[in-house]
Amino acid sequence: MTKGTTSFGKKHCKSHTTCRRCSKVSFHLQKKTCSSCGYPAKKMRNYNWSQKAKGRRTVGTGRMQYMKTMTRRFKNGFREGTQAKKQSA
């Protein structure tokens, strides 16, 4: 038996399927855990030895609907419902 091309033809059983939390094909069917996000554990799986993986799913990688306006609102003291003061020349 060779360890190359002929062996790869026998690989037709799935060990991982799509994870419902991270949508990666990382959910192990027998272990019932995701190797990427750690589902069904409540806390997301992340390690300090993989800075790249942390960066792929951290704040700022999505749309940031709420956070994108935060710096501007913070700068103005979170004021709401007021009119900007007229600037005198």
N, C-alpha and C. Protein backbone atom coordinates (compact mmCIF):
# COMPACT_ATOMS: atom_id res chain seq x y z
N MET A 1 0.85 -1.19 0.00
CA MET A 1 0.00 0.00 0.00
C MET A 1 0.89 1.24 0.00
N THR A 2 0.64 2.12 -0.94
CA THR A 2 1.41 3.36 -0.99
C THR A 2 0.74 4.44 -0.14
N LYS A 3 1.50 5.46 0.19
CA LYS A 3 0.96 6.51 1.05
C LYS A 3 0.57 7.76 0.27
N GLY A 4 0.57 7.66 -1.05
CA GLY A 4 0.29 8.82 -1.89
C GLY A 4 -1.08 8.80 -2.53
N THR A 5 -1.09 8.85 -3.84
CA THR A 5 -2.32 9.02 -4.62
C THR A 5 -3.36 7.94 -4.35
N THR A 6 -2.96 6.71 -4.27
CA THR A 6 -3.92 5.62 -4.08
C THR A 6 -4.61 5.70 -2.72
N SER A 7 -3.89 6.17 -1.71
CA SER A 7 -4.48 6.29 -0.37
C SER A 7 -5.53 7.40 -0.32
N PHE A 8 -5.31 8.47 -1.06
CA PHE A 8 -6.24 9.61 -1.03
C PHE A 8 -7.60 9.25 -1.64
N GLY A 9 -7.62 8.23 -2.48
CA GLY A 9 -8.89 7.80 -3.08
C GLY A 9 -9.83 7.16 -2.08
N LYS A 10 -9.32 6.71 -0.94
CA LYS A 10 -10.14 6.05 0.07
C LYS A 10 -10.78 7.04 1.05
N LYS A 11 -10.42 8.32 0.96
CA LYS A 11 -10.92 9.31 1.92
C LYS A 11 -12.27 9.86 1.47
N HIS A 12 -13.34 9.19 1.89
CA HIS A 12 -14.67 9.64 1.49
C HIS A 12 -15.65 9.73 2.67
N CYS A 13 -15.12 9.64 3.90
CA CYS A 13 -16.00 9.82 5.06
C CYS A 13 -15.70 11.17 5.70
N LYS A 14 -16.74 11.85 6.17
CA LYS A 14 -16.58 13.19 6.72
C LYS A 14 -16.39 13.13 8.23
N SER A 15 -15.36 13.80 8.71
CA SER A 15 -15.18 13.92 10.16
C SER A 15 -15.72 15.25 10.64
N HIS A 16 -15.66 16.29 9.79
CA HIS A 16 -16.13 17.62 10.15
C HIS A 16 -17.26 18.08 9.24
N THR A 17 -18.20 18.84 9.83
CA THR A 17 -19.27 19.47 9.06
C THR A 17 -19.36 20.93 9.46
N THR A 18 -20.30 21.67 8.87
CA THR A 18 -20.40 23.11 9.11
C THR A 18 -20.84 23.41 10.54
N CYS A 19 -20.15 24.36 11.16
CA CYS A 19 -20.48 24.80 12.52
C CYS A 19 -21.57 25.85 12.42
N ARG A 20 -22.55 25.79 13.33
CA ARG A 20 -23.67 26.74 13.27
C ARG A 20 -23.30 28.10 13.85
N ARG A 21 -22.19 28.21 14.59
CA ARG A 21 -21.79 29.50 15.15
C ARG A 21 -20.81 30.24 14.25
N CYS A 22 -19.76 29.55 13.77
CA CYS A 22 -18.75 30.26 12.99
C CYS A 22 -18.84 29.97 11.49
N SER A 23 -19.70 29.07 11.09
CA SER A 23 -19.96 28.72 9.68
C SER A 23 -18.75 28.12 8.97
N LYS A 24 -17.76 27.65 9.72
CA LYS A 24 -16.63 26.96 9.11
C LYS A 24 -16.91 25.46 9.14
N VAL A 25 -16.26 24.72 8.26
CA VAL A 25 -16.41 23.26 8.24
C VAL A 25 -15.45 22.70 9.27
N SER A 26 -15.74 22.95 10.54
CA SER A 26 -14.83 22.59 11.64
C SER A 26 -15.53 21.87 12.77
N PHE A 27 -16.82 21.59 12.63
CA PHE A 27 -17.57 20.93 13.69
C PHE A 27 -17.37 19.42 13.58
N HIS A 28 -16.71 18.84 14.59
CA HIS A 28 -16.40 17.40 14.58
C HIS A 28 -17.65 16.61 14.92
N LEU A 29 -18.00 15.68 14.06
CA LEU A 29 -19.27 14.96 14.19
C LEU A 29 -19.29 14.00 15.37
N GLN A 30 -18.16 13.36 15.68
CA GLN A 30 -18.14 12.42 16.80
C GLN A 30 -17.91 13.14 18.13
N LYS A 31 -17.01 14.11 18.13
CA LYS A 31 -16.75 14.86 19.37
C LYS A 31 -17.85 15.86 19.68
N LYS A 32 -18.60 16.27 18.66
CA LYS A 32 -19.66 17.29 18.78
C LYS A 32 -19.12 18.62 19.27
N THR A 33 -17.90 18.98 18.85
CA THR A 33 -17.32 20.27 19.18
C THR A 33 -16.68 20.86 17.93
N CYS A 34 -16.65 22.19 17.87
CA CYS A 34 -16.04 22.88 16.75
C CYS A 34 -14.57 23.12 17.06
N SER A 35 -13.71 22.76 16.13
CA SER A 35 -12.28 22.94 16.34
C SER A 35 -11.85 24.38 16.13
N SER A 36 -12.71 25.20 15.54
CA SER A 36 -12.35 26.60 15.29
C SER A 36 -12.85 27.53 16.39
N CYS A 37 -14.15 27.46 16.72
CA CYS A 37 -14.71 28.40 17.70
C CYS A 37 -15.03 27.75 19.04
N GLY A 38 -14.99 26.42 19.14
CA GLY A 38 -15.22 25.73 20.39
C GLY A 38 -16.67 25.46 20.71
N TYR A 39 -17.59 25.77 19.77
CA TYR A 39 -19.01 25.49 19.99
C TYR A 39 -19.19 24.02 20.35
N PRO A 40 -20.02 23.65 21.31
CA PRO A 40 -21.08 24.38 22.00
C PRO A 40 -20.63 25.07 23.30
N ALA A 41 -19.34 25.23 23.54
CA ALA A 41 -18.88 25.96 24.72
C ALA A 41 -19.36 27.41 24.65
N LYS A 42 -19.69 27.99 25.79
CA LYS A 42 -20.23 29.35 25.81
C LYS A 42 -19.19 30.37 25.37
N LYS A 43 -17.93 30.17 25.80
CA LYS A 43 -16.87 31.11 25.44
C LYS A 43 -16.26 30.73 24.09
N MET A 44 -15.94 31.74 23.32
CA MET A 44 -15.30 31.51 22.03
C MET A 44 -13.87 31.00 22.23
N ARG A 45 -13.45 30.06 21.41
CA ARG A 45 -12.12 29.50 21.51
C ARG A 45 -11.12 30.47 20.90
N ASN A 46 -10.12 30.89 21.69
CA ASN A 46 -9.01 31.70 21.17
C ASN A 46 -7.79 31.52 22.06
N TYR A 47 -6.63 31.58 21.44
CA TYR A 47 -5.37 31.36 22.14
C TYR A 47 -4.37 32.43 21.77
N ASN A 48 -3.49 32.77 22.73
CA ASN A 48 -2.49 33.80 22.50
C ASN A 48 -1.38 33.33 21.56
N TRP A 49 -1.25 32.02 21.36
CA TRP A 49 -0.21 31.55 20.45
C TRP A 49 -0.61 31.73 18.99
N SER A 50 -1.85 32.17 18.75
CA SER A 50 -2.27 32.42 17.37
C SER A 50 -2.84 33.83 17.27
N GLN A 51 -1.96 34.81 17.08
CA GLN A 51 -2.40 36.20 16.97
C GLN A 51 -3.18 36.43 15.68
N LYS A 52 -2.81 35.74 14.61
CA LYS A 52 -3.51 35.91 13.34
C LYS A 52 -4.97 35.47 13.44
N ALA A 53 -5.20 34.34 14.09
CA ALA A 53 -6.57 33.82 14.22
C ALA A 53 -7.42 34.75 15.09
N LYS A 54 -6.80 35.36 16.10
CA LYS A 54 -7.52 36.32 16.94
C LYS A 54 -7.93 37.54 16.12
N GLY A 55 -7.03 37.98 15.27
CA GLY A 55 -7.30 39.16 14.45
C GLY A 55 -8.39 38.95 13.42
N ARG A 56 -8.60 37.71 13.01
CA ARG A 56 -9.61 37.42 12.00
C ARG A 56 -11.03 37.57 12.52
N ARG A 57 -11.20 37.46 13.85
CA ARG A 57 -12.57 37.53 14.37
C ARG A 57 -12.72 38.53 15.51
N THR A 58 -11.85 39.54 15.55
CA THR A 58 -11.91 40.53 16.62
C THR A 58 -12.76 41.72 16.20
N VAL A 59 -12.86 42.71 17.08
CA VAL A 59 -13.61 43.93 16.78
C VAL A 59 -12.97 44.64 15.61
N GLY A 60 -13.78 45.07 14.66
CA GLY A 60 -13.26 45.78 13.49
C GLY A 60 -13.19 44.93 12.25
N THR A 61 -13.58 43.66 12.33
CA THR A 61 -13.54 42.80 11.16
C THR A 61 -14.90 42.70 10.47
N GLY A 62 -15.93 43.21 11.13
CA GLY A 62 -17.27 43.18 10.55
C GLY A 62 -17.72 44.58 10.15
N ARG A 63 -19.03 44.81 10.18
CA ARG A 63 -19.58 46.10 9.77
C ARG A 63 -19.40 47.18 10.83
N MET A 64 -19.35 46.78 12.09
CA MET A 64 -19.22 47.71 13.21
C MET A 64 -20.30 48.79 13.19
N GLN A 65 -21.58 48.40 13.07
CA GLN A 65 -22.67 49.35 12.98
C GLN A 65 -22.68 50.33 14.15
N TYR A 66 -22.42 49.83 15.34
CA TYR A 66 -22.46 50.66 16.53
C TYR A 66 -21.11 51.34 16.79
N MET A 67 -20.04 50.57 16.66
CA MET A 67 -18.71 51.06 17.05
C MET A 67 -18.13 52.10 16.10
N LYS A 68 -18.57 52.12 14.83
CA LYS A 68 -17.96 53.03 13.88
C LYS A 68 -18.27 54.50 14.17
N THR A 69 -19.38 54.76 14.88
CA THR A 69 -19.72 56.14 15.22
C THR A 69 -19.23 56.51 16.63
N MET A 70 -18.64 55.57 17.34
CA MET A 70 -18.30 55.77 18.75
C MET A 70 -17.24 56.85 18.95
N THR A 71 -16.19 56.89 18.13
CA THR A 71 -15.12 57.87 18.34
C THR A 71 -15.63 59.29 18.15
N ARG A 72 -16.48 59.52 17.14
CA ARG A 72 -17.02 60.84 16.90
C ARG A 72 -17.94 61.27 18.03
N ARG A 73 -18.78 60.36 18.51
CA ARG A 73 -19.70 60.68 19.59
C ARG A 73 -18.96 60.92 20.91
N PHE A 74 -17.89 60.17 21.13
CA PHE A 74 -17.07 60.34 22.33
C PHE A 74 -16.39 61.71 22.34
N LYS A 75 -15.91 62.11 21.17
CA LYS A 75 -15.24 63.40 21.02
C LYS A 75 -16.17 64.56 21.38
N ASN A 76 -17.45 64.39 21.08
CA ASN A 76 -18.43 65.44 21.35
C ASN A 76 -19.16 65.24 22.68
N GLY A 77 -18.69 64.34 23.51
CA GLY A 77 -19.28 64.15 24.83
C GLY A 77 -20.64 63.47 24.82
N PHE A 78 -20.92 62.67 23.80
CA PHE A 78 -22.17 61.91 23.67
C PHE A 78 -23.40 62.83 23.75
N ARG A 79 -23.30 64.02 23.15
CA ARG A 79 -24.45 64.93 23.15
C ARG A 79 -25.50 64.42 22.17
N GLU A 80 -26.76 64.65 22.51
CA GLU A 80 -27.87 64.22 21.65
C GLU A 80 -28.96 65.27 21.66
N GLY A 81 -29.65 65.42 20.56
CA GLY A 81 -30.81 66.31 20.47
C GLY A 81 -30.48 67.78 20.60
N THR A 82 -29.27 68.20 20.27
CA THR A 82 -28.91 69.61 20.34
C THR A 82 -28.45 70.09 18.97
N GLN A 83 -28.49 71.38 18.78
CA GLN A 83 -28.06 72.00 17.54
C GLN A 83 -26.63 72.49 17.72
N ALA A 84 -25.82 72.38 16.69
CA ALA A 84 -24.44 72.85 16.77
C ALA A 84 -24.42 74.36 16.91
N LYS A 85 -23.50 74.89 17.72
CA LYS A 85 -23.41 76.32 17.94
C LYS A 85 -22.86 77.02 16.70
N LYS A 86 -23.38 78.22 16.42
CA LYS A 86 -22.92 79.01 15.28
C LYS A 86 -21.50 79.50 15.56
N GLN A 87 -20.65 79.38 14.55
CA GLN A 87 -19.29 79.85 14.70
C GLN A 87 -19.22 81.29 14.23
N SER A 88 -18.72 82.18 15.09
CA SER A 88 -18.59 83.59 14.71
C SER A 88 -17.24 83.81 14.00
N ALA A 89 -17.29 84.58 12.94
CA ALA A 89 -16.09 84.78 12.13
C ALA A 89 -15.09 85.75 12.71
